[in-house]
């Protein structure tokens, strides 16, 4: 991940154990992210990351909007 011209990556489940670790690791590498979840107020504040939601997996319209730009 040494290239600084990264595409924006969407990370879902960022309030959970796995998603939060992935998002933090990507932020550490300077990867721009869209953090997607049901509870934006519980999402981490990370450099280069935009919080998106609320978006639940079962709500296709909200999820599509949240993922736009990734």
PDB file of N, CA and C in Angstrom:
ATOM      1  N   UNK A   1       0.812  -1.193   0.000  1.00  0.00           N
ATOM      2  CA  UNK A   1       0.000   0.000   0.000  1.00  0.00           C
ATOM      3  C   UNK A   1       0.854   1.254   0.000  1.00  0.00           C
ATOM      4  N   UNK A   2       1.929   1.257  -0.711  1.00  0.00           N
ATOM      5  CA  UNK A   2       2.791   2.419  -0.709  1.00  0.00           C
ATOM      6  C   UNK A   2       2.323   3.502  -1.664  1.00  0.00           C
ATOM      7  N   UNK A   3       1.501   3.174  -2.653  1.00  0.00           N
ATOM      8  CA  UNK A   3       0.992   4.154  -3.597  1.00  0.00           C
ATOM      9  C   UNK A   3      -0.007   5.069  -2.903  1.00  0.00           C
ATOM     10  N   UNK A   4       0.203   6.373  -2.989  1.00  0.00           N
ATOM     11  CA  UNK A   4      -0.680   7.332  -2.307  1.00  0.00           C
ATOM     12  C   UNK A   4      -1.884   7.722  -3.148  1.00  0.00           C
ATOM     13  N   UNK A   5      -2.039   7.195  -4.346  1.00  0.00           N
ATOM     14  CA  UNK A   5      -3.185   7.498  -5.195  1.00  0.00           C
ATOM     15  C   UNK A   5      -4.207   6.383  -5.092  1.00  0.00           C
ATOM     16  N   UNK A   6      -4.769   6.229  -3.924  1.00  0.00           N
ATOM     17  CA  UNK A   6      -5.732   5.160  -3.664  1.00  0.00           C
ATOM     18  C   UNK A   6      -7.131   5.556  -4.107  1.00  0.00           C
ATOM     19  N   UNK A   7      -7.885   4.579  -4.565  1.00  0.00           N
ATOM     20  CA  UNK A   7      -9.313   4.776  -4.793  1.00  0.00           C
ATOM     21  C   UNK A   7      -9.999   4.787  -3.431  1.00  0.00           C
ATOM     22  N   UNK A   8     -11.183   5.359  -3.364  1.00  0.00           N
ATOM     23  CA  UNK A   8     -11.950   5.372  -2.123  1.00  0.00           C
ATOM     24  C   UNK A   8     -12.526   3.983  -1.876  1.00  0.00           C
ATOM     25  N   UNK A   9     -12.311   3.496  -0.668  1.00  0.00           N
ATOM     26  CA  UNK A   9     -12.752   2.163  -0.274  1.00  0.00           C
ATOM     27  C   UNK A   9     -13.919   2.302   0.700  1.00  0.00           C
ATOM     28  N   UNK A  10     -14.969   1.520   0.497  1.00  0.00           N
ATOM     29  CA  UNK A  10     -16.081   1.486   1.444  1.00  0.00           C
ATOM     30  C   UNK A  10     -15.831   0.360   2.440  1.00  0.00           C
ATOM     31  N   UNK A  11     -16.001   0.669   3.708  1.00  0.00           N
ATOM     32  CA  UNK A  11     -15.856  -0.330   4.764  1.00  0.00           C
ATOM     33  C   UNK A  11     -17.165  -0.375   5.536  1.00  0.00           C
ATOM     34  N   UNK A  12     -17.774  -1.546   5.585  1.00  0.00           N
ATOM     35  CA  UNK A  12     -19.020  -1.712   6.328  1.00  0.00           C
ATOM     36  C   UNK A  12     -18.721  -2.376   7.671  1.00  0.00           C
ATOM     37  N   UNK A  13     -19.654  -2.262   8.576  1.00  0.00           N
ATOM     38  CA  UNK A  13     -19.480  -2.892   9.887  1.00  0.00           C
ATOM     39  C   UNK A  13     -18.402  -2.243  10.724  1.00  0.00           C
ATOM     40  N   UNK A  14     -18.205  -0.924  10.558  1.00  0.00           N
ATOM     41  CA  UNK A  14     -17.093  -0.246  11.229  1.00  0.00           C
ATOM     42  C   UNK A  14     -17.291  -0.055  12.729  1.00  0.00           C
ATOM     43  N   UNK A  15     -18.455  -0.376  13.257  1.00  0.00           N
ATOM     44  CA  UNK A  15     -18.636  -0.295  14.705  1.00  0.00           C
ATOM     45  C   UNK A  15     -18.351  -1.640  15.364  1.00  0.00           C
ATOM     46  N   UNK A  16     -18.073  -2.654  14.573  1.00  0.00           N
ATOM     47  CA  UNK A  16     -17.752  -3.979  15.100  1.00  0.00           C
ATOM     48  C   UNK A  16     -16.248  -4.189  15.203  1.00  0.00           C
ATOM     49  N   UNK A  17     -15.865  -5.327  15.724  1.00  0.00           N
ATOM     50  CA  UNK A  17     -14.461  -5.634  15.963  1.00  0.00           C
ATOM     51  C   UNK A  17     -13.648  -5.703  14.673  1.00  0.00           C
ATOM     52  N   UNK A  18     -14.129  -6.426  13.691  1.00  0.00           N
ATOM     53  CA  UNK A  18     -13.365  -6.599  12.456  1.00  0.00           C
ATOM     54  C   UNK A  18     -13.384  -5.338  11.601  1.00  0.00           C
ATOM     55  N   UNK A  19     -14.564  -4.789  11.347  1.00  0.00           N
ATOM     56  CA  UNK A  19     -14.668  -3.599  10.504  1.00  0.00           C
ATOM     57  C   UNK A  19     -13.878  -2.426  11.054  1.00  0.00           C
ATOM     58  N   UNK A  20     -13.888  -2.238  12.353  1.00  0.00           N
ATOM     59  CA  UNK A  20     -13.153  -1.115  12.952  1.00  0.00           C
ATOM     60  C   UNK A  20     -11.647  -1.289  12.790  1.00  0.00           C
ATOM     61  N   UNK A  21     -11.175  -2.518  12.900  1.00  0.00           N
ATOM     62  CA  UNK A  21      -9.733  -2.782  12.727  1.00  0.00           C
ATOM     63  C   UNK A  21      -9.313  -2.564  11.282  1.00  0.00           C
ATOM     64  N   UNK A  22     -10.153  -2.996  10.344  1.00  0.00           N
ATOM     65  CA  UNK A  22      -9.842  -2.799   8.924  1.00  0.00           C
ATOM     66  C   UNK A  22      -9.802  -1.304   8.605  1.00  0.00           C
ATOM     67  N   UNK A  23     -10.807  -0.558   9.065  1.00  0.00           N
ATOM     68  CA  UNK A  23     -10.861   0.880   8.803  1.00  0.00           C
ATOM     69  C   UNK A  23      -9.650   1.600   9.396  1.00  0.00           C
ATOM     70  N   UNK A  24      -9.262   1.253  10.600  1.00  0.00           N
ATOM     71  CA  UNK A  24      -8.108   1.888  11.236  1.00  0.00           C
ATOM     72  C   UNK A  24      -6.822   1.582  10.464  1.00  0.00           C
ATOM     73  N   UNK A  25      -6.691   0.372  10.008  1.00  0.00           N
ATOM     74  CA  UNK A  25      -5.493  -0.013   9.255  1.00  0.00           C
ATOM     75  C   UNK A  25      -5.423   0.726   7.926  1.00  0.00           C
ATOM     76  N   UNK A  26      -6.555   0.822   7.226  1.00  0.00           N
ATOM     77  CA  UNK A  26      -6.588   1.562   5.966  1.00  0.00           C
ATOM     78  C   UNK A  26      -6.263   3.035   6.194  1.00  0.00           C
ATOM     79  N   UNK A  27      -6.816   3.617   7.256  1.00  0.00           N
ATOM     80  CA  UNK A  27      -6.533   5.021   7.577  1.00  0.00           C
ATOM     81  C   UNK A  27      -5.047   5.219   7.840  1.00  0.00           C
ATOM     82  N   UNK A  28      -4.433   4.263   8.501  1.00  0.00           N
ATOM     83  CA  UNK A  28      -3.004   4.336   8.772  1.00  0.00           C
ATOM     84  C   UNK A  28      -2.153   4.322   7.515  1.00  0.00           C
ATOM     85  N   UNK A  29      -2.705   3.778   6.446  1.00  0.00           N
ATOM     86  CA  UNK A  29      -2.005   3.740   5.161  1.00  0.00           C
ATOM     87  C   UNK A  29      -2.430   4.878   4.238  1.00  0.00           C
ATOM     88  N   UNK A  30      -3.272   5.774   4.742  1.00  0.00           N
ATOM     89  CA  UNK A  30      -3.703   6.922   3.965  1.00  0.00           C
ATOM     90  C   UNK A  30      -4.734   6.633   2.894  1.00  0.00           C
ATOM     91  N   UNK A  31      -5.458   5.532   3.044  1.00  0.00           N
ATOM     92  CA  UNK A  31      -6.477   5.160   2.063  1.00  0.00           C
ATOM     93  C   UNK A  31      -7.769   5.923   2.364  1.00  0.00           C
ATOM     94  N   UNK A  32      -8.310   6.675   1.377  1.00  0.00           N
ATOM     95  CA  UNK A  32      -9.592   7.347   1.612  1.00  0.00           C
ATOM     96  C   UNK A  32     -10.709   6.315   1.749  1.00  0.00           C
ATOM     97  N   UNK A  33     -11.634   6.572   2.683  1.00  0.00           N
ATOM     98  CA  UNK A  33     -12.669   5.588   2.988  1.00  0.00           C
ATOM     99  C   UNK A  33     -14.041   6.205   3.144  1.00  0.00           C
ATOM    100  N   UNK A  34     -15.034   5.374   2.899  1.00  0.00           N
ATOM    101  CA  UNK A  34     -16.411   5.649   3.270  1.00  0.00           C
ATOM    102  C   UNK A  34     -16.737   4.639   4.359  1.00  0.00           C
ATOM    103  N   UNK A  35     -17.008   5.114   5.549  1.00  0.00           N
ATOM    104  CA  UNK A  35     -17.378   4.242   6.653  1.00  0.00           C
ATOM    105  C   UNK A  35     -18.891   4.115   6.656  1.00  0.00           C
ATOM    106  N   UNK A  36     -19.385   2.913   6.460  1.00  0.00           N
ATOM    107  CA  UNK A  36     -20.812   2.683   6.278  1.00  0.00           C
ATOM    108  C   UNK A  36     -21.355   1.855   7.439  1.00  0.00           C
ATOM    109  N   UNK A  37     -22.486   2.294   7.981  1.00  0.00           N
ATOM    110  CA  UNK A  37     -23.090   1.534   9.065  1.00  0.00           C
ATOM    111  C   UNK A  37     -24.463   2.036   9.441  1.00  0.00           C
ATOM    112  N   UNK A  38     -25.078   1.327  10.355  1.00  0.00           N
ATOM    113  CA  UNK A  38     -26.422   1.682  10.822  1.00  0.00           C
ATOM    114  C   UNK A  38     -26.407   2.821  11.819  1.00  0.00           C
ATOM    115  N   UNK A  39     -25.297   3.008  12.522  1.00  0.00           N
ATOM    116  CA  UNK A  39     -25.225   4.018  13.590  1.00  0.00           C
ATOM    117  C   UNK A  39     -24.035   4.950  13.358  1.00  0.00           C
ATOM    118  N   UNK A  40     -24.194   5.984  12.545  1.00  0.00           N
ATOM    119  CA  UNK A  40     -23.073   6.889  12.265  1.00  0.00           C
ATOM    120  C   UNK A  40     -22.455   7.500  13.528  1.00  0.00           C
ATOM    121  N   UNK A  41     -23.255   7.696  14.568  1.00  0.00           N
ATOM    122  CA  UNK A  41     -22.733   8.287  15.801  1.00  0.00           C
ATOM    123  C   UNK A  41     -21.766   7.345  16.533  1.00  0.00           C
ATOM    124  N   UNK A  42     -21.779   6.068  16.212  1.00  0.00           N
ATOM    125  CA  UNK A  42     -20.864   5.107  16.841  1.00  0.00           C
ATOM    126  C   UNK A  42     -19.625   4.834  15.983  1.00  0.00           C
ATOM    127  N   UNK A  43     -19.574   5.421  14.776  1.00  0.00           N
ATOM    128  CA  UNK A  43     -18.447   5.170  13.879  1.00  0.00           C
ATOM    129  C   UNK A  43     -17.217   5.929  14.339  1.00  0.00           C
ATOM    130  N   UNK A  44     -16.039   5.356  14.102  1.00  0.00           N
ATOM    131  CA  UNK A  44     -14.813   6.044  14.502  1.00  0.00           C
ATOM    132  C   UNK A  44     -14.553   7.279  13.649  1.00  0.00           C
ATOM    133  N   UNK A  45     -13.842   8.227  14.215  1.00  0.00           N
ATOM    134  CA  UNK A  45     -13.365   9.399  13.473  1.00  0.00           C
ATOM    135  C   UNK A  45     -11.963   9.040  13.005  1.00  0.00           C
ATOM    136  N   UNK A  46     -11.783   8.897  11.694  1.00  0.00           N
ATOM    137  CA  UNK A  46     -10.485   8.508  11.150  1.00  0.00           C
ATOM    138  C   UNK A  46     -10.071   9.493  10.067  1.00  0.00           C
ATOM    139  N   UNK A  47      -8.775   9.772   9.952  1.00  0.00           N
ATOM    140  CA  UNK A  47      -8.321  10.678   8.896  1.00  0.00           C
ATOM    141  C   UNK A  47      -8.626  10.094   7.521  1.00  0.00           C
ATOM    142  N   UNK A  48      -9.111  10.939   6.631  1.00  0.00           N
ATOM    143  CA  UNK A  48      -9.407  10.512   5.274  1.00  0.00           C
ATOM    144  C   UNK A  48     -10.680   9.705   5.140  1.00  0.00           C
ATOM    145  N   UNK A  49     -11.500   9.670   6.191  1.00  0.00           N
ATOM    146  CA  UNK A  49     -12.714   8.854   6.160  1.00  0.00           C
ATOM    147  C   UNK A  49     -13.954   9.725   6.280  1.00  0.00           C
ATOM    148  N   UNK A  50     -14.965   9.382   5.493  1.00  0.00           N
ATOM    149  CA  UNK A  50     -16.280  10.004   5.589  1.00  0.00           C
ATOM    150  C   UNK A  50     -17.236   8.999   6.206  1.00  0.00           C
ATOM    151  N   UNK A  51     -18.024   9.439   7.153  1.00  0.00           N
ATOM    152  CA  UNK A  51     -19.031   8.548   7.747  1.00  0.00           C
ATOM    153  C   UNK A  51     -20.308   8.636   6.935  1.00  0.00           C
ATOM    154  N   UNK A  52     -20.865   7.467   6.606  1.00  0.00           N
ATOM    155  CA  UNK A  52     -22.081   7.399   5.802  1.00  0.00           C
ATOM    156  C   UNK A  52     -23.130   6.563   6.506  1.00  0.00           C
ATOM    157  N   UNK A  53     -24.354   6.972   6.388  1.00  0.00           N
ATOM    158  CA  UNK A  53     -25.437   6.205   6.968  1.00  0.00           C
ATOM    159  C   UNK A  53     -26.431   7.127   7.623  1.00  0.00           C
ATOM    160  N   UNK A  54     -27.414   6.586   8.262  1.00  0.00           N
ATOM    161  CA  UNK A  54     -27.554   5.163   8.566  1.00  0.00           C
ATOM    162  C   UNK A  54     -27.873   4.351   7.312  1.00  0.00           C
ATOM    163  N   UNK A  55     -27.275   3.175   7.252  1.00  0.00           N
ATOM    164  CA  UNK A  55     -27.499   2.253   6.141  1.00  0.00           C
ATOM    165  C   UNK A  55     -27.406   0.827   6.675  1.00  0.00           C
ATOM    166  N   UNK A  56     -28.509   0.117   6.572  1.00  0.00           N
ATOM    167  CA  UNK A  56     -28.549  -1.294   6.981  1.00  0.00           C
ATOM    168  C   UNK A  56     -28.397  -2.160   5.740  1.00  0.00           C
ATOM    169  N   UNK A  57     -27.817  -3.336   5.895  1.00  0.00           N
ATOM    170  CA  UNK A  57     -27.631  -4.242   4.761  1.00  0.00           C
ATOM    171  C   UNK A  57     -28.943  -4.545   4.045  1.00  0.00           C
ATOM    172  N   UNK A  58     -30.038  -4.644   4.779  1.00  0.00           N
ATOM    173  CA  UNK A  58     -31.330  -5.002   4.198  1.00  0.00           C
ATOM    174  C   UNK A  58     -32.002  -3.854   3.456  1.00  0.00           C
ATOM    175  N   UNK A  59     -31.504  -2.633   3.605  1.00  0.00           N
ATOM    176  CA  UNK A  59     -32.109  -1.477   2.947  1.00  0.00           C
ATOM    177  C   UNK A  59     -31.270  -1.106   1.726  1.00  0.00           C
ATOM    178  N   UNK A  60     -31.644  -1.650   0.581  1.00  0.00           N
ATOM    179  CA  UNK A  60     -30.854  -1.495  -0.649  1.00  0.00           C
ATOM    180  C   UNK A  60     -30.684  -0.035  -1.053  1.00  0.00           C
ATOM    181  N   UNK A  61     -31.728   0.769  -0.941  1.00  0.00           N
ATOM    182  CA  UNK A  61     -31.647   2.171  -1.361  1.00  0.00           C
ATOM    183  C   UNK A  61     -30.663   2.955  -0.490  1.00  0.00           C
ATOM    184  N   UNK A  62     -30.765   2.806   0.836  1.00  0.00           N
ATOM    185  CA  UNK A  62     -29.833   3.501   1.739  1.00  0.00           C
ATOM    186  C   UNK A  62     -28.407   3.022   1.531  1.00  0.00           C
ATOM    187  N   UNK A  63     -28.238   1.727   1.321  1.00  0.00           N
ATOM    188  CA  UNK A  63     -26.895   1.183   1.123  1.00  0.00           C
ATOM    189  C   UNK A  63     -26.289   1.707  -0.175  1.00  0.00           C
ATOM    190  N   UNK A  64     -27.080   1.780  -1.239  1.00  0.00           N
ATOM    191  CA  UNK A  64     -26.578   2.318  -2.503  1.00  0.00           C
ATOM    192  C   UNK A  64     -26.097   3.750  -2.326  1.00  0.00           C
ATOM    193  N   UNK A  65     -26.895   4.562  -1.634  1.00  0.00           N
ATOM    194  CA  UNK A  65     -26.492   5.970  -1.380  1.00  0.00           C
ATOM    195  C   UNK A  65     -25.217   6.022  -0.556  1.00  0.00           C
ATOM    196  N   UNK A  66     -25.127   5.199   0.462  1.00  0.00           N
ATOM    197  CA  UNK A  66     -23.957   5.216   1.341  1.00  0.00           C
ATOM    198  C   UNK A  66     -22.687   4.797   0.597  1.00  0.00           C
ATOM    199  N   UNK A  67     -22.824   3.907  -0.356  1.00  0.00           N
ATOM    200  CA  UNK A  67     -21.663   3.382  -1.078  1.00  0.00           C
ATOM    201  C   UNK A  67     -21.272   4.219  -2.284  1.00  0.00           C
ATOM    202  N   UNK A  68     -22.072   5.221  -2.610  1.00  0.00           N
ATOM    203  CA  UNK A  68     -21.785   6.042  -3.775  1.00  0.00           C
ATOM    204  C   UNK A  68     -20.417   6.716  -3.636  1.00  0.00           C
ATOM    205  N   UNK A  69     -19.595   6.557  -4.634  1.00  0.00           N
ATOM    206  CA  UNK A  69     -18.257   7.148  -4.634  1.00  0.00           C
ATOM    207  C   UNK A  69     -17.158   6.183  -4.276  1.00  0.00           C
ATOM    208  N   UNK A  70     -17.520   4.977  -3.915  1.00  0.00           N
ATOM    209  CA  UNK A  70     -16.490   3.972  -3.568  1.00  0.00           C
ATOM    210  C   UNK A  70     -16.095   3.187  -4.799  1.00  0.00           C
TER     211      UNK A  70
END
